[in-house]
Amino acid sequence: MLNTPRSRRGMVTSPHHLASEAGLRVLREGGNAIEATLAMAASLPVVYPHMNSIGGDGFWLISANGKAPVAVDGCGASAQAATTDFYRTKGLSAIPSRGPLAANTVAGTLSGWAEVFAISQEMGGRLPFSRLVEEAIWSAENGFAVTAGQQELTETKFAELKDSPGFIETFLLDGKLPKEGELMKIPALGAALRHIGQHGPMDFYTGVLAKEIAADLARCGSPVTLDDLKAQKAQHREALHVAIKGATLYNFPAPTQGLASLMILALFERLGVKDAEGFDYLHSIVEATKQAFLVRDRIIGDPAHMIEKAEDYLQADKLDELAAKIDRKRALPWPVPVNPGDTVWLGAIDKDGIAVSFIQSIYFEFGSGCVLENSGIVWQNRGSSFVLDGNGPRALLPGKKPFHTLNPAMALFDDGRRMVYGNMGGEGQPQSQSAVFSRYAMYGQGLQAAVTAPRWLLGKTWGDATVTLKLESRFDPKVVQAMRDAGHDIEILPDFTSTMGHAGAVVMHPNGVFEGATDPRSDGAAMGF
C-alpha cells in the first residue's frame, strides 16, 4: 500500500474501515471534522473493542483557520478510594494490571466528547449528537465481523482476562473464542450509546447512565464511585509546540508523553541527517528517542504534581544541549522502564480547514477486562500505571491523573499545509510519529509510503515483553548489521506487525487538495470525497 488517497472536500482516517466510513458519511452530510471524528470515536469501541472503549480516556487537538490548536483533555482521575492503603490492605505491593482493582480511574473520554461537541457547535456544527452515534448503534445491535486482530488478542490474552467480570459473556461466542469473520453483537453497548445520543455525553457522569455505571462498577469490585464520576470534567489545555524548519509541531501536554514526540523530531533535526532509511537516519532517530524518553520518564505525570515544566525542554538551548549528547556512531545503553498501551488514533480535516487529531484508549488490550453488565462498557486499566511507593509524578494519590502514552499530533507548515497524524501502541506512539513525519515532511516521501515504510520500536509495547530495538524485516540487511555493530540490541519482527502500532495521517494542501494515509498493519481506511 503505497499510493496516497486524495480528495477535494475532506478526508478522514481511522484504524477500522467502518469507523472511517461513519466519519465520511458525516462529512458528506455537511458535518465538520469534529463531528466526523466523534462518529468515528463512537464506532471504534464497537467494531474494534479490543483496542478502545468509551470506558477509557481521550485527548483532542483541534485547529481552525490554520491557527494553533486548542487541546481538550478527556482524562479521568483516580478514585477517591484508590489509596496505597486500599491496595496494601489487600496484600498487594503493586496495582494489578487486570480485573476490578485495575479499574481504579474515572473514564474521561465522554467528558471530552461533550466538550468538543460544544466547540463544534461554536464553529457552526449542526448535526445532533444522536446522529453521530447512529453507525455505532447499528453495528452494536446488528453485529460486526470479528477482525484478525480481535481474534488474536482474545486468544493470547484470554488467560489474564477470563476472570474479569463480564469479559467471557461479552467477548466469547457461545462460550468459544471468536474467530475472524464471525458475527459479534454488543447490544448493551448499543443501548448505552443510544442513551448518550439522546441525553448527551455528560449523562455518563451525572445522569441515569451514571447511576447504572456506578452500580455496575461496585458489583465488579472497582473503587470508582458515583461521586468520582460526578467530579469528572474535561479541561482546555495549552498544546505544547516546537518550531522546526518549515513547520510548527504541536502535541498534547502532560499527563501525556506529547513532550517526547516533539523532542524526538526537534533533536533529530539538529543532527542534520541527509537521507532517510540508512544507518545514519535510523541510528540518529533512535538515539534522539532515548534522550526524549529519559526526560519524559523523569518529569511527566499529573501536571498538578510535576516539579519541572515540560515546555522548558522544548527551548532551543536545552534541545541543543541534549542533541550534543547523542553519539553518532554508538548506541546509548538501554533499556529504561517502559509503558505498554492499547489505543486508537483517528483524524479528520474538513473543507473549511477544521483539523482534528484525536486519540482514545483503554491502556492494555481490552483494558481492565471488566465489562459493565448493563451498558457493555469495557473499563480501562490506565490507573495500573500508578506506583504504590515513593512520591514521584506517577505515585498513586486519590484524584490524581495517571501518566498517559497517548499523544495526538498536528503540524502547521509555513507553506500553508495542515497535517494531523498519530499512532497507537504505547512506547511506539512517539516513535511512529517521528517515522511518519520525518519521512513525509523532511525527506519528501509520499504520505501513504511514509506510513507503510518499515518501522522500528525501542522498548516494549502492548502484547510484547522484550525491551530490544525491534525492526520490521523489510529494513536493508546492511543497515541492520550496522545497527548491531553500533551496539543496538536488535530483534527482527515480521514484514508488517501490529507491534509497531496503527498509524495514520491527513494533510490539507493550500490549494484545497486533501491527502490521507492509513496503516496496512490495521483494518483501517483513509477516505475522502
Protein backbone atom coordinates (compact mmCIF):
# COMPACT_ATOMS: atom_id res chain seq x y z
CA MET A 1 0.00 0.00 0.00
CA LEU A 2 1.97 2.98 -1.31
CA ASN A 3 -0.50 5.18 -3.23
CA THR A 4 -1.91 8.12 -1.27
CA PRO A 5 -5.69 8.72 -1.49
CA ARG A 6 -6.61 12.29 -2.41
CA SER A 7 -9.84 14.29 -2.37
CA ARG A 8 -11.21 17.83 -2.52
CA ARG A 9 -13.90 18.17 0.16
CA GLY A 10 -12.48 16.45 3.21
CA MET A 11 -10.63 13.39 4.47
CA VAL A 12 -10.85 11.03 7.44
CA THR A 13 -8.71 8.15 8.64
CA SER A 14 -9.03 5.57 11.42
CA PRO A 15 -7.81 2.01 12.14
CA HIS A 16 -11.13 0.40 11.12
CA HIS A 17 -12.81 0.96 7.78
CA LEU A 18 -16.34 1.02 9.23
CA ALA A 19 -15.36 3.82 11.60
CA SER A 20 -13.79 5.74 8.71
CA GLU A 21 -16.99 5.22 6.72
CA ALA A 22 -19.01 6.62 9.65
CA GLY A 23 -16.84 9.73 9.67
CA LEU A 24 -17.03 10.15 5.91
CA ARG A 25 -20.82 9.94 5.96
CA VAL A 26 -20.91 12.80 8.45
CA LEU A 27 -18.72 14.93 6.18
CA ARG A 28 -20.95 14.11 3.20
CA GLU A 29 -23.98 15.29 5.18
CA GLY A 30 -22.31 18.65 5.81
CA GLY A 31 -20.85 17.85 9.19
CA ASN A 32 -17.49 19.25 10.20
CA ALA A 33 -14.29 17.45 11.13
CA ILE A 34 -15.12 17.43 14.85
CA GLU A 35 -18.48 15.79 14.19
CA ALA A 36 -16.86 13.28 11.82
CA THR A 37 -14.26 12.39 14.44
CA LEU A 38 -16.95 11.92 17.09
CA ALA A 39 -18.76 9.50 14.77
CA MET A 40 -15.54 7.53 14.33
CA ALA A 41 -14.82 7.67 18.07
CA ALA A 42 -18.26 6.18 18.76
CA SER A 43 -17.88 3.42 16.17
CA LEU A 44 -14.46 2.16 17.19
CA PRO A 45 -15.48 0.92 20.68
CA VAL A 46 -17.97 -1.34 18.90
CA VAL A 47 -16.13 -2.63 15.83
CA TYR A 48 -12.64 -2.53 17.38
CA PRO A 49 -13.41 -3.42 21.02
CA HIS A 50 -10.01 -4.89 21.81
CA MET A 51 -8.41 -1.52 21.06
CA ASN A 52 -10.60 1.04 22.82
CA SER A 53 -13.86 1.77 24.63
CA ILE A 54 -16.00 4.60 25.92
CA GLY A 55 -14.74 3.36 29.29
CA GLY A 56 -11.34 4.96 28.59
CA ASP A 57 -9.67 8.36 28.19
CA GLY A 58 -9.22 10.64 25.20
CA PHE A 59 -7.21 13.66 24.09
CA TRP A 60 -8.01 16.14 21.32
CA LEU A 61 -6.17 18.74 19.25
CA ILE A 62 -8.48 20.97 17.19
CA SER A 63 -7.32 23.70 14.85
CA ALA A 64 -9.42 26.11 12.78
CA ASN A 65 -8.29 28.58 10.12
CA GLY A 66 -4.71 27.38 10.35
CA LYS A 67 -4.36 28.68 13.90
CA ALA A 68 -2.66 26.99 16.83
CA PRO A 69 -4.84 24.14 18.12
CA VAL A 70 -6.92 24.02 21.25
CA ALA A 71 -6.19 20.97 23.39
CA VAL A 72 -9.05 19.18 25.16
CA ASP A 73 -8.12 16.82 27.99
CA GLY A 74 -10.64 14.00 28.47
CA CYS A 75 -8.62 12.17 31.10
CA GLY A 76 -10.14 10.77 34.27
CA ALA A 77 -8.52 10.81 37.70
CA SER A 78 -8.04 8.05 40.23
CA ALA A 79 -10.93 7.22 42.54
CA GLN A 80 -11.03 8.82 45.97
CA ALA A 81 -10.93 5.32 47.45
CA ALA A 82 -7.84 4.37 45.41
CA THR A 83 -5.17 4.88 48.04
CA THR A 84 -1.97 3.00 48.74
CA ASP A 85 -3.60 1.62 51.90
CA PHE A 86 -6.54 0.35 49.80
CA TYR A 87 -4.13 -1.92 47.92
CA ARG A 88 -1.79 -2.78 50.77
CA THR A 89 -4.63 -3.97 52.99
CA LYS A 90 -5.34 -6.46 50.21
CA GLY A 91 -1.77 -7.71 50.44
CA LEU A 92 -0.65 -6.05 47.21
CA SER A 93 2.67 -4.33 46.58
CA ALA A 94 1.63 -3.20 43.09
CA ILE A 95 -1.64 -2.40 41.36
CA PRO A 96 -2.87 -5.38 39.32
CA SER A 97 -2.92 -4.90 35.56
CA ARG A 98 -6.27 -6.65 35.10
CA GLY A 99 -9.55 -7.01 36.89
CA PRO A 100 -11.60 -4.63 39.06
CA LEU A 101 -8.67 -3.38 41.14
CA ALA A 102 -7.08 -2.16 37.89
CA ALA A 103 -10.29 -0.25 37.07
CA ASN A 104 -9.38 2.50 39.51
CA THR A 105 -9.73 5.69 37.45
CA VAL A 106 -12.72 7.50 36.00
CA ALA A 107 -13.17 7.04 32.27
CA GLY A 108 -12.81 10.58 30.93
CA THR A 109 -13.31 10.29 27.18
CA LEU A 110 -17.07 11.06 27.24
CA SER A 111 -16.37 14.33 29.04
CA GLY A 112 -14.05 15.16 26.15
CA TRP A 113 -16.78 14.28 23.66
CA ALA A 114 -19.13 16.71 25.42
CA GLU A 115 -16.57 19.49 25.36
CA VAL A 116 -15.60 19.15 21.70
CA PHE A 117 -19.26 18.85 20.68
CA ALA A 118 -19.78 22.27 22.26
CA ILE A 119 -16.73 23.57 20.38
CA SER A 120 -18.15 22.10 17.17
CA GLN A 121 -21.41 23.97 17.65
CA GLU A 122 -19.49 27.20 18.21
CA MET A 123 -17.78 26.54 14.87
CA GLY A 124 -21.08 26.03 13.07
CA GLY A 125 -21.66 22.32 13.62
CA ARG A 126 -25.30 21.47 13.07
CA LEU A 127 -25.72 17.70 13.47
CA PRO A 128 -27.43 16.40 16.63
CA PHE A 129 -25.41 14.09 18.85
CA SER A 130 -27.90 11.31 18.17
CA ARG A 131 -26.80 11.36 14.52
CA LEU A 132 -23.14 10.95 15.44
CA VAL A 133 -23.70 7.62 17.21
CA GLU A 134 -26.04 6.07 14.61
CA GLU A 135 -23.50 3.81 12.88
CA ALA A 136 -22.04 2.69 16.19
CA ILE A 137 -25.50 1.73 17.49
CA TRP A 138 -26.32 -0.19 14.31
CA SER A 139 -23.12 -2.24 14.50
CA ALA A 140 -23.57 -2.97 18.20
CA GLU A 141 -27.16 -4.14 17.77
CA ASN A 142 -26.94 -5.84 14.36
CA GLY A 143 -23.41 -7.19 14.60
CA PHE A 144 -19.94 -6.64 13.20
CA ALA A 145 -17.33 -9.02 11.84
CA VAL A 146 -14.54 -10.01 14.23
CA THR A 147 -11.16 -8.88 12.89
CA ALA A 148 -7.99 -10.95 12.83
CA GLY A 149 -6.55 -8.66 15.49
CA GLN A 150 -9.50 -9.18 17.82
CA GLN A 151 -9.25 -12.93 17.37
CA GLU A 152 -5.52 -12.94 18.05
CA LEU A 153 -5.66 -10.73 21.13
CA THR A 154 -8.63 -12.56 22.63
CA GLU A 155 -6.69 -15.81 22.27
CA THR A 156 -3.32 -14.57 23.51
CA LYS A 157 -4.69 -12.53 26.45
CA PHE A 158 -7.52 -14.84 27.45
CA ALA A 159 -5.73 -16.33 30.46
CA GLU A 160 -5.34 -12.91 32.08
CA LEU A 161 -8.79 -11.63 31.05
CA LYS A 162 -11.09 -14.60 31.66
CA ASP A 163 -11.64 -13.86 35.35
CA SER A 164 -12.57 -10.21 34.80
CA PRO A 165 -16.31 -9.67 35.36
CA GLY A 166 -18.32 -9.71 32.15
CA PHE A 167 -15.46 -10.50 29.77
CA ILE A 168 -16.42 -14.06 28.83
CA GLU A 169 -20.12 -13.18 28.49
CA THR A 170 -19.32 -10.29 26.14
CA PHE A 171 -16.36 -11.34 24.04
CA LEU A 172 -16.79 -15.10 23.62
CA LEU A 173 -19.32 -16.53 21.19
CA ASP A 174 -21.36 -19.42 22.63
CA GLY A 175 -18.57 -19.94 25.13
CA LYS A 176 -15.88 -20.21 22.44
CA LEU A 177 -13.06 -17.87 21.44
CA PRO A 178 -14.19 -15.77 18.47
CA LYS A 179 -12.78 -16.36 15.00
CA GLU A 180 -12.05 -13.82 12.30
CA GLY A 181 -15.17 -13.10 10.28
CA GLU A 182 -17.65 -14.35 12.87
CA LEU A 183 -20.53 -12.07 13.78
CA MET A 184 -20.45 -10.41 17.21
CA LYS A 185 -23.09 -8.18 18.80
CA ILE A 186 -22.86 -5.98 21.91
CA PRO A 187 -26.48 -4.89 22.41
CA ALA A 188 -25.92 -3.44 25.88
CA LEU A 189 -23.29 -1.09 24.46
CA GLY A 190 -25.65 -0.17 21.64
CA ALA A 191 -28.31 0.75 24.20
CA ALA A 192 -25.80 2.85 26.16
CA LEU A 193 -24.77 4.71 23.01
CA ARG A 194 -28.42 5.31 22.11
CA HIS A 195 -28.97 6.78 25.58
CA ILE A 196 -25.88 9.00 25.16
CA GLY A 197 -27.18 10.13 21.78
CA GLN A 198 -30.49 11.16 23.35
CA HIS A 199 -29.25 12.65 26.62
CA GLY A 200 -25.72 13.79 25.77
CA PRO A 201 -22.27 12.51 26.80
CA MET A 202 -22.37 14.03 30.29
CA ASP A 203 -25.18 11.64 31.25
CA PHE A 204 -22.27 9.19 31.60
CA TYR A 205 -21.24 11.17 34.71
CA THR A 206 -24.32 12.85 36.13
CA GLY A 207 -27.45 11.17 34.75
CA VAL A 208 -29.32 7.90 34.71
CA LEU A 209 -26.47 6.19 32.89
CA ALA A 210 -24.02 7.35 35.56
CA LYS A 211 -26.05 5.61 38.27
CA GLU A 212 -26.08 2.38 36.25
CA ILE A 213 -22.33 2.62 35.64
CA ALA A 214 -21.59 3.26 39.32
CA ALA A 215 -23.74 0.31 40.37
CA ASP A 216 -22.02 -1.98 37.86
CA LEU A 217 -18.57 -0.81 38.95
CA ALA A 218 -19.49 -1.55 42.57
CA ARG A 219 -20.68 -5.04 41.62
CA CYS A 220 -17.38 -5.62 39.80
CA GLY A 221 -15.36 -4.52 42.83
CA SER A 222 -13.91 -1.32 41.35
CA PRO A 223 -13.14 1.56 43.75
CA VAL A 224 -14.70 4.12 41.33
CA THR A 225 -17.96 5.56 42.71
CA LEU A 226 -20.80 7.80 41.53
CA ASP A 227 -19.17 10.75 43.33
CA ASP A 228 -15.98 10.12 41.33
CA LEU A 229 -17.99 10.15 38.10
CA LYS A 230 -19.79 13.36 39.06
CA ALA A 231 -16.47 15.12 39.63
CA GLN A 232 -15.24 14.48 36.07
CA LYS A 233 -14.84 17.48 33.78
CA ALA A 234 -12.86 17.85 30.56
CA GLN A 235 -10.22 20.56 30.58
CA HIS A 236 -8.95 23.02 27.99
CA ARG A 237 -5.17 22.88 27.89
CA GLU A 238 -2.44 24.73 26.02
CA ALA A 239 -0.83 22.50 23.42
CA LEU A 240 2.93 22.03 23.54
CA HIS A 241 4.73 23.20 20.42
CA VAL A 242 8.17 23.40 18.87
CA ALA A 243 9.38 25.02 15.67
CA ILE A 244 11.46 23.07 13.16
CA LYS A 245 12.47 24.01 9.63
CA GLY A 246 9.33 24.73 7.64
CA ALA A 247 6.73 23.87 10.29
CA THR A 248 5.48 24.22 13.84
CA LEU A 249 4.73 20.92 15.54
CA TYR A 250 2.02 20.56 18.18
CA ASN A 251 1.29 17.84 20.69
CA PHE A 252 -0.53 17.27 23.96
CA PRO A 253 0.88 18.41 27.33
CA ALA A 254 1.16 16.30 30.50
CA PRO A 255 -0.05 13.86 31.67
CA THR A 256 0.69 12.55 28.15
CA GLN A 257 4.04 11.84 26.52
CA GLY A 258 3.47 14.55 23.90
CA LEU A 259 6.69 16.19 25.07
CA ALA A 260 8.67 13.14 23.97
CA SER A 261 7.12 13.16 20.50
CA LEU A 262 8.10 16.79 19.95
CA MET A 263 11.57 16.34 21.41
CA ILE A 264 12.39 13.39 19.15
CA LEU A 265 11.78 15.35 15.97
CA ALA A 266 13.42 18.55 17.25
CA LEU A 267 16.52 16.62 18.39
CA PHE A 268 16.67 14.59 15.20
CA GLU A 269 16.52 17.73 13.05
CA ARG A 270 19.56 19.12 14.86
CA LEU A 271 21.63 16.12 13.75
CA GLY A 272 21.44 17.10 10.07
CA VAL A 273 20.85 13.62 8.65
CA LYS A 274 20.96 13.87 4.85
CA ASP A 275 18.96 10.83 3.72
CA ALA A 276 16.25 8.58 5.09
CA GLU A 277 16.46 4.79 5.55
CA GLY A 278 20.24 4.41 6.00
CA PHE A 279 22.20 3.79 9.20
CA ASP A 280 22.61 7.48 9.99
CA TYR A 281 18.84 8.03 9.80
CA LEU A 282 17.80 5.03 11.87
CA HIS A 283 20.57 5.30 14.48
CA SER A 284 20.10 9.05 14.92
CA ILE A 285 16.34 8.94 15.34
CA VAL A 286 16.58 6.03 17.82
CA GLU A 287 19.20 7.90 19.85
CA ALA A 288 17.03 11.04 19.81
CA THR A 289 14.22 8.85 21.13
CA LYS A 290 16.37 7.71 24.04
CA GLN A 291 17.17 11.28 25.07
CA ALA A 292 13.49 12.23 24.88
CA PHE A 293 12.38 9.19 26.87
CA LEU A 294 14.90 9.88 29.63
CA VAL A 295 13.37 13.32 30.12
CA ARG A 296 9.80 12.02 29.82
CA ASP A 297 10.24 9.29 32.42
CA ARG A 298 11.87 11.69 34.87
CA ILE A 299 9.35 14.54 34.80
CA ILE A 300 5.98 13.66 33.20
CA GLY A 301 2.90 12.81 35.26
CA ASP A 302 -0.18 14.64 36.51
CA PRO A 303 0.65 18.30 35.77
CA ALA A 304 -0.65 19.27 39.22
CA HIS A 305 2.18 17.22 40.75
CA MET A 306 5.04 17.93 38.31
CA ILE A 307 8.12 19.79 39.53
CA GLU A 308 9.62 20.72 36.15
CA LYS A 309 7.86 22.37 33.20
CA ALA A 310 7.66 20.31 30.03
CA GLU A 311 7.94 23.38 27.80
CA ASP A 312 11.40 24.12 29.24
CA TYR A 313 12.70 21.08 27.36
CA LEU A 314 11.47 22.49 24.05
CA GLN A 315 13.65 25.61 24.32
CA ALA A 316 16.42 25.84 21.72
CA ASP A 317 19.29 25.86 24.21
CA LYS A 318 18.02 22.77 26.04
CA LEU A 319 17.44 20.89 22.78
CA ASP A 320 20.94 21.85 21.59
CA GLU A 321 22.37 20.55 24.87
CA LEU A 322 20.59 17.22 24.59
CA ALA A 323 21.38 16.79 20.90
CA ALA A 324 25.06 17.24 21.71
CA LYS A 325 24.88 14.18 23.96
CA ILE A 326 23.98 11.89 21.05
CA ASP A 327 26.86 9.70 19.83
CA ARG A 328 26.52 9.43 16.05
CA LYS A 329 28.34 6.10 15.96
CA ARG A 330 27.49 4.24 19.17
CA ALA A 331 24.22 3.32 20.88
CA LEU A 332 23.44 4.59 24.36
CA PRO A 333 22.94 1.56 26.65
CA TRP A 334 19.26 0.74 27.11
CA PRO A 335 16.60 -0.05 28.50
CA VAL A 336 14.78 2.20 30.91
CA PRO A 337 11.31 1.45 32.41
CA VAL A 338 8.67 1.01 29.72
CA ASN A 339 4.99 1.68 29.21
CA PRO A 340 2.62 -0.59 27.29
CA GLY A 341 -0.58 0.73 25.79
CA ASP A 342 -3.61 -0.06 23.67
CA THR A 343 -5.26 2.72 21.79
CA VAL A 344 -6.74 4.13 18.60
CA TRP A 345 -5.72 7.32 16.80
CA LEU A 346 -8.04 8.95 14.30
CA GLY A 347 -8.03 12.20 12.39
CA ALA A 348 -10.07 14.37 10.04
CA ILE A 349 -9.84 17.65 8.14
CA ASP A 350 -12.91 19.19 6.53
CA LYS A 351 -13.44 21.52 3.58
CA ASP A 352 -13.30 24.56 5.85
CA GLY A 353 -9.92 23.56 7.21
CA ILE A 354 -11.02 22.43 10.68
CA ALA A 355 -8.35 19.87 11.59
CA VAL A 356 -8.77 17.26 14.32
CA SER A 357 -6.23 14.87 15.83
CA PHE A 358 -7.77 12.57 18.45
CA ILE A 359 -6.63 9.57 20.43
CA GLN A 360 -8.75 7.31 22.65
CA SER A 361 -7.52 4.50 24.85
CA ILE A 362 -8.20 1.85 27.48
CA TYR A 363 -4.43 1.26 28.09
CA PHE A 364 -4.00 -2.53 27.66
CA GLU A 365 -5.90 -4.55 25.06
CA PHE A 366 -9.44 -4.89 26.48
CA GLY A 367 -8.36 -2.55 29.33
CA SER A 368 -9.03 -3.99 32.77
CA GLY A 369 -11.12 -6.71 31.14
CA CYS A 370 -14.13 -5.67 33.24
CA VAL A 371 -17.29 -5.26 31.16
CA LEU A 372 -20.16 -3.44 32.84
CA GLU A 373 -23.28 -5.60 32.84
CA ASN A 374 -25.95 -3.03 31.99
CA SER A 375 -24.01 -0.93 29.46
CA GLY A 376 -21.48 -3.29 27.84
CA ILE A 377 -18.72 -0.79 28.57
CA VAL A 378 -15.15 -2.08 28.89
CA TRP A 379 -13.42 -0.16 31.69
CA GLN A 380 -9.83 0.96 31.29
CA ASN A 381 -6.86 -0.09 33.41
CA ARG A 382 -4.87 3.13 32.94
CA GLY A 383 -4.55 3.51 36.70
CA SER A 384 -2.46 0.35 36.90
CA SER A 385 0.42 2.58 35.76
CA PHE A 386 0.46 4.25 39.19
CA VAL A 387 3.11 3.07 41.63
CA LEU A 388 2.47 2.43 45.33
CA ASP A 389 5.89 3.54 46.56
CA GLY A 390 7.54 6.95 46.62
CA ASN A 391 6.16 10.40 45.86
CA GLY A 392 7.14 10.96 42.22
CA PRO A 393 4.90 12.07 39.35
CA ARG A 394 3.45 8.55 38.99
CA ALA A 395 2.84 7.77 42.67
CA LEU A 396 -0.78 6.88 43.45
CA LEU A 397 -2.93 9.51 45.14
CA PRO A 398 -6.72 9.90 45.14
CA GLY A 399 -7.97 12.26 42.44
CA LYS A 400 -4.69 12.13 40.50
CA LYS A 401 -4.38 11.75 36.75
CA PRO A 402 -2.26 8.83 35.53
CA PHE A 403 0.63 9.11 33.10
CA HIS A 404 -0.55 8.63 29.52
CA THR A 405 1.27 7.31 26.50
CA LEU A 406 -1.48 8.94 24.41
CA ASN A 407 -0.45 11.93 22.32
CA PRO A 408 -2.29 13.27 19.26
CA ALA A 409 -0.05 15.19 16.86
CA MET A 410 -0.52 18.10 14.48
CA ALA A 411 1.73 20.18 12.25
CA LEU A 412 1.11 23.58 10.66
CA PHE A 413 3.55 24.17 7.79
CA ASP A 414 4.93 27.53 6.76
CA ASP A 415 3.72 26.83 3.20
CA GLY A 416 0.09 26.53 4.39
CA ARG A 417 -0.23 22.76 4.69
CA ARG A 418 -2.05 21.36 7.72
CA MET A 419 -1.29 17.86 8.94
CA VAL A 420 -2.84 15.66 11.62
CA TYR A 421 -1.11 12.38 12.44
CA GLY A 422 -0.76 9.82 15.17
CA ASN A 423 -0.38 6.20 16.17
CA MET A 424 -1.45 3.70 18.80
CA GLY A 425 0.96 1.47 20.67
CA GLY A 426 2.34 2.72 23.99
CA GLU A 427 6.08 3.36 23.66
CA GLY A 428 5.68 3.16 19.90
CA GLN A 429 3.43 6.21 19.59
CA PRO A 430 6.13 8.93 19.52
CA GLN A 431 8.46 6.66 17.56
CA SER A 432 5.98 6.01 14.76
CA GLN A 433 5.04 9.69 14.75
CA SER A 434 8.69 10.54 14.16
CA ALA A 435 8.93 7.94 11.39
CA VAL A 436 5.85 9.15 9.54
CA PHE A 437 6.55 12.87 9.92
CA SER A 438 10.25 12.72 9.11
CA ARG A 439 9.78 10.56 6.03
CA TYR A 440 6.95 12.72 4.71
CA ALA A 441 7.96 16.23 5.72
CA MET A 442 11.77 16.07 5.90
CA TYR A 443 12.58 13.61 3.13
CA GLY A 444 9.68 14.04 0.71
CA GLN A 445 8.18 10.57 0.75
CA GLY A 446 4.50 10.19 -0.16
CA LEU A 447 2.14 10.27 2.79
CA GLN A 448 0.97 6.66 2.40
CA ALA A 449 4.51 5.47 1.64
CA ALA A 450 5.69 7.12 4.88
CA VAL A 451 3.09 5.16 6.87
CA THR A 452 3.72 1.88 5.03
CA ALA A 453 7.54 2.00 5.21
CA PRO A 454 9.31 -0.34 7.65
CA ARG A 455 9.23 0.89 11.24
CA TRP A 456 11.14 0.37 14.43
CA LEU A 457 10.25 0.28 18.10
CA LEU A 458 12.60 0.83 21.01
CA GLY A 459 11.40 -0.91 24.16
CA LYS A 460 8.22 -2.87 24.65
CA THR A 461 4.62 -2.10 23.91
CA TRP A 462 1.25 -3.83 24.22
CA GLY A 463 1.41 -7.57 23.65
CA ASP A 464 5.19 -7.66 23.92
CA ALA A 465 7.60 -8.46 26.73
CA THR A 466 11.08 -7.60 25.39
CA VAL A 467 12.89 -4.25 25.55
CA THR A 468 15.03 -4.63 22.43
CA LEU A 469 15.15 -2.35 19.39
CA LYS A 470 12.62 -4.08 17.16
CA LEU A 471 12.87 -3.72 13.38
CA GLU A 472 10.46 -4.93 10.75
CA SER A 473 12.27 -7.34 8.43
CA ARG A 474 11.96 -5.04 5.41
CA PHE A 475 14.93 -2.93 6.53
CA ASP A 476 18.08 -3.31 4.41
CA PRO A 477 20.20 -6.12 5.96
CA LYS A 478 23.28 -3.90 5.70
CA VAL A 479 21.58 -1.24 7.81
CA VAL A 480 20.52 -3.87 10.35
CA GLN A 481 24.08 -5.13 10.67
CA ALA A 482 25.43 -1.60 11.03
CA MET A 483 22.95 -1.02 13.86
CA ARG A 484 24.13 -4.19 15.59
CA ASP A 485 27.76 -3.13 15.14
CA ALA A 486 26.90 0.21 16.80
CA GLY A 487 25.68 -1.61 19.90
CA HIS A 488 21.92 -1.78 19.36
CA ASP A 489 20.21 -4.92 20.71
CA ILE A 490 18.26 -5.81 17.56
CA GLU A 491 15.19 -8.04 17.30
CA ILE A 492 13.76 -8.72 13.83
CA LEU A 493 9.96 -8.89 13.53
CA PRO A 494 7.76 -9.82 10.54
CA ASP A 495 7.38 -7.58 7.48
CA PHE A 496 4.24 -5.91 8.83
CA THR A 497 3.39 -6.25 12.52
CA SER A 498 0.87 -4.58 14.81
CA THR A 499 3.64 -4.34 17.38
CA MET A 500 4.54 -1.14 15.51
CA GLY A 501 1.06 0.22 16.13
CA HIS A 502 -1.52 1.58 13.72
CA ALA A 503 -0.51 4.95 12.29
CA GLY A 504 -2.45 7.38 10.13
CA ALA A 505 -2.31 10.90 8.75
CA VAL A 506 -4.33 13.52 6.89
CA VAL A 507 -2.88 16.55 5.09
CA MET A 508 -4.71 19.54 3.64
CA HIS A 509 -2.78 21.50 1.00
CA PRO A 510 -3.22 25.24 0.41
CA ASN A 511 -4.87 24.51 -2.97
CA GLY A 512 -7.65 22.56 -1.25
CA VAL A 513 -6.40 19.06 -2.07
CA PHE A 514 -6.56 16.54 0.78
CA GLU A 515 -4.29 13.53 1.27
CA GLY A 516 -4.91 10.63 3.62
CA ALA A 517 -3.00 7.58 4.79
CA THR A 518 -3.92 4.52 6.82
CA ASP A 519 -1.77 1.75 8.21
CA PRO A 520 -1.65 -1.60 6.37
CA ARG A 521 -0.94 -3.10 9.80
CA SER A 522 -4.53 -2.22 10.81
CA ASP A 523 -8.05 -2.77 9.46
CA GLY A 524 -8.38 0.90 8.63
CA ALA A 525 -9.04 3.15 5.70
CA ALA A 526 -8.38 6.74 4.69
CA MET A 527 -11.48 8.05 2.93
CA GLY A 528 -12.26 11.35 1.24
CA PHE A 529 -14.75 12.83 -1.16
